[in-house]
N, C-alpha and C. Protein backbone atom coordinates (compact mmCIF):
# COMPACT_ATOMS: atom_id res chain seq x y z
N MET A 1 -3.59 8.69 -23.13
CA MET A 1 -4.85 9.16 -22.61
C MET A 1 -4.96 8.76 -21.15
N THR A 2 -5.34 9.70 -20.33
CA THR A 2 -5.45 9.41 -18.91
C THR A 2 -6.83 9.80 -18.42
N SER A 3 -7.24 9.15 -17.34
CA SER A 3 -8.52 9.53 -16.75
C SER A 3 -8.29 10.68 -15.79
N GLY A 4 -9.33 11.15 -15.14
CA GLY A 4 -9.25 12.32 -14.30
C GLY A 4 -8.23 12.22 -13.18
N SER A 5 -8.05 11.04 -12.58
CA SER A 5 -7.13 10.93 -11.46
C SER A 5 -5.77 10.36 -11.87
N ASP A 6 -5.58 10.05 -13.14
CA ASP A 6 -4.31 9.51 -13.62
C ASP A 6 -3.41 10.65 -14.08
N ALA A 7 -2.11 10.40 -14.00
CA ALA A 7 -1.12 11.36 -14.49
C ALA A 7 0.02 10.58 -15.13
N ILE A 8 0.71 11.21 -16.03
CA ILE A 8 1.89 10.62 -16.64
C ILE A 8 3.11 11.18 -15.92
N VAL A 9 3.95 10.30 -15.40
CA VAL A 9 5.19 10.72 -14.75
C VAL A 9 6.35 10.10 -15.51
N TYR A 10 7.47 10.79 -15.51
CA TYR A 10 8.68 10.29 -16.14
C TYR A 10 9.58 9.74 -15.06
N GLY A 11 10.18 8.61 -15.35
CA GLY A 11 11.04 8.01 -14.35
C GLY A 11 11.72 6.78 -14.89
N ALA A 12 12.30 6.04 -13.97
CA ALA A 12 13.01 4.82 -14.32
C ALA A 12 12.86 3.82 -13.19
N ARG A 13 12.95 2.57 -13.56
CA ARG A 13 12.95 1.50 -12.57
C ARG A 13 14.18 0.66 -12.83
N LEU A 14 15.00 0.53 -11.81
CA LEU A 14 16.21 -0.27 -11.95
C LEU A 14 16.56 -0.92 -10.63
N GLU A 15 17.49 -1.84 -10.67
CA GLU A 15 17.91 -2.54 -9.47
C GLU A 15 19.36 -2.17 -9.19
N LEU A 16 19.60 -1.64 -8.00
CA LEU A 16 20.94 -1.24 -7.59
C LEU A 16 21.30 -2.00 -6.33
N CYS A 17 22.37 -2.76 -6.39
CA CYS A 17 22.85 -3.55 -5.23
C CYS A 17 21.75 -4.44 -4.67
N GLY A 18 20.95 -5.01 -5.52
CA GLY A 18 19.89 -5.92 -5.09
C GLY A 18 18.65 -5.24 -4.56
N VAL A 19 18.56 -3.91 -4.70
CA VAL A 19 17.41 -3.16 -4.21
C VAL A 19 16.65 -2.60 -5.41
N ALA A 20 15.33 -2.83 -5.46
CA ALA A 20 14.50 -2.27 -6.52
C ALA A 20 14.34 -0.78 -6.24
N VAL A 21 14.69 0.04 -7.24
CA VAL A 21 14.66 1.49 -7.08
C VAL A 21 13.79 2.09 -8.18
N ARG A 22 12.94 3.01 -7.78
CA ARG A 22 12.15 3.77 -8.75
C ARG A 22 12.60 5.22 -8.67
N VAL A 23 13.09 5.75 -9.79
CA VAL A 23 13.52 7.14 -9.87
C VAL A 23 12.39 7.91 -10.54
N VAL A 24 11.95 8.98 -9.90
CA VAL A 24 10.84 9.78 -10.40
C VAL A 24 11.35 11.19 -10.69
N VAL A 25 11.05 11.68 -11.89
CA VAL A 25 11.48 13.02 -12.28
C VAL A 25 10.48 14.04 -11.72
N VAL A 26 11.02 15.06 -11.04
CA VAL A 26 10.21 16.14 -10.49
C VAL A 26 10.83 17.47 -10.92
N GLU A 27 10.13 18.56 -10.67
CA GLU A 27 10.66 19.88 -10.97
C GLU A 27 11.73 20.24 -9.95
N ALA A 28 12.68 21.08 -10.36
CA ALA A 28 13.79 21.45 -9.49
C ALA A 28 13.30 22.15 -8.22
N ARG A 29 12.23 22.92 -8.32
CA ARG A 29 11.74 23.62 -7.12
C ARG A 29 11.20 22.66 -6.07
N CYS A 30 10.79 21.46 -6.47
CA CYS A 30 10.32 20.46 -5.50
C CYS A 30 11.45 20.01 -4.59
N LEU A 31 12.66 19.86 -5.15
CA LEU A 31 13.78 19.39 -4.35
C LEU A 31 14.25 20.44 -3.34
N ALA A 32 13.84 21.67 -3.51
CA ALA A 32 14.23 22.72 -2.56
C ALA A 32 13.46 22.61 -1.25
N ASP A 33 12.35 21.91 -1.25
CA ASP A 33 11.51 21.77 -0.06
C ASP A 33 11.58 20.32 0.44
N ALA A 34 12.29 20.11 1.56
CA ALA A 34 12.48 18.74 2.08
C ALA A 34 11.15 18.10 2.46
N ALA A 35 10.21 18.89 3.01
CA ALA A 35 8.91 18.33 3.40
C ALA A 35 8.15 17.85 2.17
N ALA A 36 8.20 18.62 1.08
CA ALA A 36 7.54 18.22 -0.16
C ALA A 36 8.18 16.96 -0.72
N CYS A 37 9.50 16.84 -0.61
CA CYS A 37 10.19 15.64 -1.09
C CYS A 37 9.75 14.41 -0.30
N ARG A 38 9.70 14.54 1.03
CA ARG A 38 9.27 13.40 1.84
C ARG A 38 7.83 13.00 1.51
N PHE A 39 6.97 14.00 1.28
CA PHE A 39 5.58 13.71 0.93
C PHE A 39 5.50 12.96 -0.40
N LEU A 40 6.25 13.43 -1.40
CA LEU A 40 6.23 12.76 -2.71
C LEU A 40 6.78 11.34 -2.62
N VAL A 41 7.83 11.15 -1.84
CA VAL A 41 8.39 9.80 -1.69
C VAL A 41 7.35 8.88 -1.06
N GLN A 42 6.66 9.33 -0.02
CA GLN A 42 5.62 8.51 0.61
C GLN A 42 4.48 8.22 -0.37
N LEU A 43 4.12 9.22 -1.16
CA LEU A 43 3.05 9.05 -2.13
C LEU A 43 3.39 7.97 -3.15
N PHE A 44 4.61 8.03 -3.69
CA PHE A 44 5.00 7.03 -4.69
C PHE A 44 5.25 5.67 -4.05
N GLN A 45 5.74 5.62 -2.82
CA GLN A 45 5.96 4.33 -2.17
C GLN A 45 4.65 3.64 -1.82
N ALA A 46 3.58 4.39 -1.68
CA ALA A 46 2.28 3.77 -1.41
C ALA A 46 1.80 2.95 -2.61
N HIS A 47 2.31 3.27 -3.79
CA HIS A 47 1.89 2.57 -5.01
C HIS A 47 2.84 1.46 -5.42
N ALA A 48 4.08 1.57 -5.00
CA ALA A 48 5.06 0.55 -5.38
C ALA A 48 5.90 0.23 -4.17
N ALA A 49 6.07 -1.02 -3.90
CA ALA A 49 6.88 -1.43 -2.75
C ALA A 49 8.35 -1.40 -3.14
N GLU A 50 8.82 -0.22 -3.51
CA GLU A 50 10.20 -0.04 -3.95
C GLU A 50 10.77 1.20 -3.27
N THR A 51 12.08 1.29 -3.27
CA THR A 51 12.74 2.50 -2.79
C THR A 51 12.53 3.58 -3.84
N VAL A 52 12.10 4.76 -3.41
CA VAL A 52 11.82 5.85 -4.34
C VAL A 52 12.89 6.92 -4.18
N VAL A 53 13.40 7.37 -5.33
CA VAL A 53 14.37 8.46 -5.38
C VAL A 53 13.80 9.51 -6.32
N LEU A 54 13.84 10.76 -5.90
CA LEU A 54 13.38 11.87 -6.75
C LEU A 54 14.57 12.45 -7.49
N MET A 55 14.36 12.88 -8.74
CA MET A 55 15.42 13.46 -9.54
C MET A 55 14.90 14.72 -10.21
N ALA A 56 15.72 15.77 -10.18
CA ALA A 56 15.40 17.01 -10.89
C ALA A 56 16.67 17.49 -11.58
N GLN A 57 16.50 18.22 -12.68
CA GLN A 57 17.64 18.78 -13.40
C GLN A 57 17.60 20.29 -13.28
N ASP A 58 18.79 20.90 -13.20
CA ASP A 58 18.85 22.36 -13.14
C ASP A 58 18.87 22.91 -14.57
N ALA A 59 19.10 24.20 -14.70
CA ALA A 59 19.08 24.85 -16.02
C ALA A 59 20.15 24.30 -16.97
N TRP A 60 21.21 23.71 -16.45
CA TRP A 60 22.27 23.15 -17.27
C TRP A 60 22.14 21.64 -17.44
N ALA A 61 20.97 21.10 -17.08
CA ALA A 61 20.63 19.68 -17.21
C ALA A 61 21.47 18.78 -16.31
N ILE A 62 21.95 19.33 -15.20
CA ILE A 62 22.70 18.53 -14.23
C ILE A 62 21.69 17.94 -13.24
N PRO A 63 21.67 16.61 -13.11
CA PRO A 63 20.68 15.99 -12.22
C PRO A 63 21.05 16.12 -10.75
N THR A 64 20.02 16.27 -9.92
CA THR A 64 20.15 16.25 -8.46
C THR A 64 19.15 15.23 -7.96
N TYR A 65 19.58 14.40 -7.02
CA TYR A 65 18.75 13.30 -6.52
C TYR A 65 18.39 13.52 -5.05
N PHE A 66 17.22 13.01 -4.65
CA PHE A 66 16.78 13.01 -3.25
C PHE A 66 16.33 11.61 -2.92
N GLY A 67 16.95 11.03 -1.90
CA GLY A 67 16.58 9.69 -1.47
C GLY A 67 17.63 9.15 -0.53
N PRO A 68 17.65 7.83 -0.33
CA PRO A 68 18.66 7.23 0.55
C PRO A 68 20.07 7.54 0.05
N ASP A 69 20.95 7.92 0.98
CA ASP A 69 22.29 8.39 0.61
C ASP A 69 23.06 7.40 -0.26
N GLU A 70 23.05 6.13 0.10
CA GLU A 70 23.83 5.14 -0.67
C GLU A 70 23.35 5.06 -2.11
N ILE A 71 22.05 5.05 -2.28
CA ILE A 71 21.50 4.95 -3.64
C ILE A 71 21.74 6.22 -4.42
N VAL A 72 21.62 7.37 -3.76
CA VAL A 72 21.88 8.66 -4.43
C VAL A 72 23.33 8.72 -4.91
N ARG A 73 24.27 8.23 -4.08
CA ARG A 73 25.68 8.23 -4.49
C ARG A 73 25.89 7.37 -5.73
N ILE A 74 25.25 6.22 -5.78
CA ILE A 74 25.39 5.34 -6.95
C ILE A 74 24.80 6.00 -8.18
N LEU A 75 23.59 6.58 -8.05
CA LEU A 75 22.95 7.23 -9.20
C LEU A 75 23.76 8.42 -9.69
N ALA A 76 24.35 9.18 -8.77
CA ALA A 76 25.13 10.35 -9.17
C ALA A 76 26.37 9.97 -9.97
N ARG A 77 26.89 8.77 -9.75
CA ARG A 77 28.07 8.32 -10.48
C ARG A 77 27.72 7.65 -11.81
N MET A 78 26.46 7.26 -11.96
CA MET A 78 26.04 6.59 -13.20
C MET A 78 25.91 7.62 -14.32
N PRO A 79 26.26 7.23 -15.55
CA PRO A 79 25.98 8.13 -16.67
C PRO A 79 24.46 8.30 -16.80
N PHE A 80 24.03 9.53 -16.98
CA PHE A 80 22.60 9.83 -17.06
C PHE A 80 21.93 9.03 -18.17
N GLU A 81 22.62 8.81 -19.26
CA GLU A 81 22.07 8.09 -20.41
C GLU A 81 21.93 6.60 -20.14
N ALA A 82 22.60 6.09 -19.11
CA ALA A 82 22.52 4.66 -18.80
C ALA A 82 21.26 4.31 -18.01
N ILE A 83 20.57 5.32 -17.52
CA ILE A 83 19.35 5.07 -16.75
C ILE A 83 18.20 4.87 -17.73
N PRO A 84 17.42 3.78 -17.59
CA PRO A 84 16.35 3.48 -18.56
C PRO A 84 15.09 4.33 -18.33
N TRP A 85 15.11 5.57 -18.81
CA TRP A 85 13.99 6.49 -18.60
C TRP A 85 12.80 6.09 -19.45
N ARG A 86 11.61 6.28 -18.90
CA ARG A 86 10.36 6.03 -19.65
C ARG A 86 9.22 6.74 -18.95
N ARG A 87 8.05 6.69 -19.58
CA ARG A 87 6.84 7.29 -19.00
C ARG A 87 6.06 6.22 -18.27
N TYR A 88 5.47 6.63 -17.14
CA TYR A 88 4.63 5.72 -16.36
C TYR A 88 3.29 6.39 -16.12
N ARG A 89 2.25 5.59 -16.06
CA ARG A 89 0.93 6.11 -15.66
C ARG A 89 0.83 5.98 -14.15
N PHE A 90 0.54 7.08 -13.52
CA PHE A 90 0.42 7.12 -12.07
C PHE A 90 -1.04 7.35 -11.74
N ARG A 91 -1.61 6.42 -10.99
CA ARG A 91 -3.01 6.55 -10.56
C ARG A 91 -3.04 7.26 -9.23
N GLY A 92 -4.04 8.11 -9.04
CA GLY A 92 -4.15 8.93 -7.85
C GLY A 92 -4.22 8.15 -6.56
N ARG A 93 -4.73 6.95 -6.58
CA ARG A 93 -4.77 6.13 -5.37
C ARG A 93 -4.42 4.71 -5.76
N PRO A 94 -3.89 3.95 -4.83
CA PRO A 94 -3.50 2.58 -5.15
C PRO A 94 -4.70 1.75 -5.61
N ARG A 95 -4.41 0.80 -6.47
CA ARG A 95 -5.46 -0.10 -6.92
C ARG A 95 -5.99 -0.90 -5.75
N GLU A 96 -7.30 -1.04 -5.71
CA GLU A 96 -7.91 -1.86 -4.68
C GLU A 96 -7.91 -3.31 -5.13
N VAL A 97 -7.57 -4.17 -4.23
CA VAL A 97 -7.56 -5.59 -4.54
C VAL A 97 -8.97 -6.11 -4.37
N TRP A 98 -9.49 -6.77 -5.41
CA TRP A 98 -10.84 -7.29 -5.34
C TRP A 98 -10.82 -8.55 -4.50
N ARG A 99 -11.75 -8.61 -3.57
CA ARG A 99 -11.88 -9.79 -2.71
C ARG A 99 -13.33 -10.21 -2.67
N LEU A 100 -13.55 -11.49 -2.43
CA LEU A 100 -14.91 -11.97 -2.26
C LEU A 100 -15.52 -11.30 -1.05
N PRO A 101 -16.78 -10.92 -1.14
CA PRO A 101 -17.41 -10.32 0.04
C PRO A 101 -17.57 -11.37 1.14
N LEU A 102 -17.46 -10.92 2.38
CA LEU A 102 -17.66 -11.84 3.50
C LEU A 102 -19.13 -12.19 3.60
N PRO A 103 -19.44 -13.45 3.87
CA PRO A 103 -20.85 -13.81 4.02
C PRO A 103 -21.43 -13.16 5.28
N ALA A 104 -22.70 -12.86 5.21
CA ALA A 104 -23.39 -12.27 6.36
C ALA A 104 -23.45 -13.30 7.46
N PRO A 105 -23.28 -12.88 8.70
CA PRO A 105 -23.36 -13.86 9.79
C PRO A 105 -24.77 -14.45 9.86
N VAL A 106 -24.83 -15.75 10.08
CA VAL A 106 -26.10 -16.46 10.14
C VAL A 106 -26.38 -16.82 11.59
N GLU A 107 -27.58 -16.49 12.03
CA GLU A 107 -27.99 -16.84 13.38
C GLU A 107 -28.18 -18.35 13.44
N PRO A 108 -27.72 -18.98 14.50
CA PRO A 108 -27.96 -20.43 14.59
C PRO A 108 -29.46 -20.68 14.76
N PRO A 109 -29.95 -21.80 14.24
CA PRO A 109 -31.38 -22.08 14.36
C PRO A 109 -31.78 -22.24 15.83
N PHE A 110 -33.01 -21.87 16.11
CA PHE A 110 -33.53 -21.96 17.47
C PHE A 110 -33.79 -23.42 17.81
N THR A 111 -33.20 -23.88 18.88
CA THR A 111 -33.35 -25.29 19.26
C THR A 111 -34.17 -25.47 20.52
N GLY A 112 -34.52 -24.38 21.18
CA GLY A 112 -35.28 -24.50 22.40
C GLY A 112 -34.38 -24.60 23.62
N THR A 113 -33.11 -24.93 23.43
CA THR A 113 -32.19 -25.02 24.56
C THR A 113 -31.60 -23.66 24.89
N ASP A 114 -31.92 -22.67 24.06
CA ASP A 114 -31.38 -21.34 24.31
C ASP A 114 -32.11 -20.63 25.43
N LEU A 115 -33.32 -21.15 25.79
CA LEU A 115 -34.08 -20.50 26.85
C LEU A 115 -33.53 -20.89 28.21
N PRO A 116 -33.58 -19.97 29.14
CA PRO A 116 -33.13 -20.36 30.48
C PRO A 116 -34.07 -21.42 31.04
N THR A 117 -33.52 -22.38 31.68
CA THR A 117 -34.34 -23.48 32.23
C THR A 117 -34.39 -23.39 33.74
N GLU A 118 -35.45 -23.91 34.25
CA GLU A 118 -35.61 -23.97 35.70
C GLU A 118 -34.89 -25.21 36.20
N PRO A 119 -34.46 -25.19 37.44
CA PRO A 119 -33.85 -26.41 37.98
C PRO A 119 -34.87 -27.56 37.92
N GLY A 120 -34.42 -28.72 37.54
CA GLY A 120 -35.29 -29.88 37.47
C GLY A 120 -36.01 -30.00 36.14
N THR A 121 -35.60 -29.22 35.10
CA THR A 121 -36.24 -29.32 33.79
C THR A 121 -35.16 -29.49 32.73
N VAL A 122 -35.55 -30.13 31.64
CA VAL A 122 -34.70 -30.25 30.47
C VAL A 122 -35.53 -29.84 29.29
N ASP A 123 -35.07 -28.88 28.53
CA ASP A 123 -35.79 -28.37 27.35
C ASP A 123 -37.22 -27.99 27.72
N GLY A 124 -37.43 -27.44 28.89
CA GLY A 124 -38.75 -26.98 29.30
C GLY A 124 -39.63 -28.09 29.82
N ARG A 125 -39.16 -29.36 29.90
CA ARG A 125 -39.96 -30.47 30.41
C ARG A 125 -39.49 -30.83 31.81
N ARG A 126 -40.44 -31.12 32.66
CA ARG A 126 -40.08 -31.51 34.03
C ARG A 126 -39.52 -32.93 34.05
N LEU A 127 -38.50 -33.04 34.86
CA LEU A 127 -37.90 -34.36 35.03
C LEU A 127 -38.69 -35.12 36.11
N ALA A 128 -38.70 -36.41 35.99
CA ALA A 128 -39.36 -37.24 37.01
C ALA A 128 -38.52 -37.20 38.27
N PRO A 129 -39.16 -37.13 39.39
CA PRO A 129 -38.40 -37.10 40.64
C PRO A 129 -37.62 -38.39 40.81
N THR A 130 -36.42 -38.26 41.32
CA THR A 130 -35.60 -39.45 41.55
C THR A 130 -35.77 -39.90 43.00
N VAL A 131 -35.76 -41.20 43.17
CA VAL A 131 -35.93 -41.77 44.52
C VAL A 131 -34.56 -42.25 44.95
N ALA A 132 -34.19 -41.82 46.13
CA ALA A 132 -32.91 -42.26 46.66
C ALA A 132 -33.06 -43.66 47.23
N ALA A 133 -32.14 -44.49 46.98
CA ALA A 133 -32.22 -45.87 47.47
C ALA A 133 -31.58 -46.05 48.80
């Protein structure tokens, strides 16, 4: 069950050469448009701090990958059945991290020294004249 902005996507998460990789299954027509592929990669990377690779299968179930060349080469050599495929819930926007609200700025209390003073006064009181010796 998903909410209005949630979707179920099929994919896999694995580690290749020390790099966390998320493989996302898309339709074959998506891989035909490089701009759409870049958009989808950015969209999925906004949710997970991992390298994202898109995968689509043709009519004969042969996979095609879109992503960083080194990772695509490794995935293309892997047996398709060795990839741990599963369903993921994808939320339309990244989760917001809850933080304590910032306190409202507080004005410092009025001390009387904030007023401009005239020469020869302190806190609005006249100083006694000084006598030079």
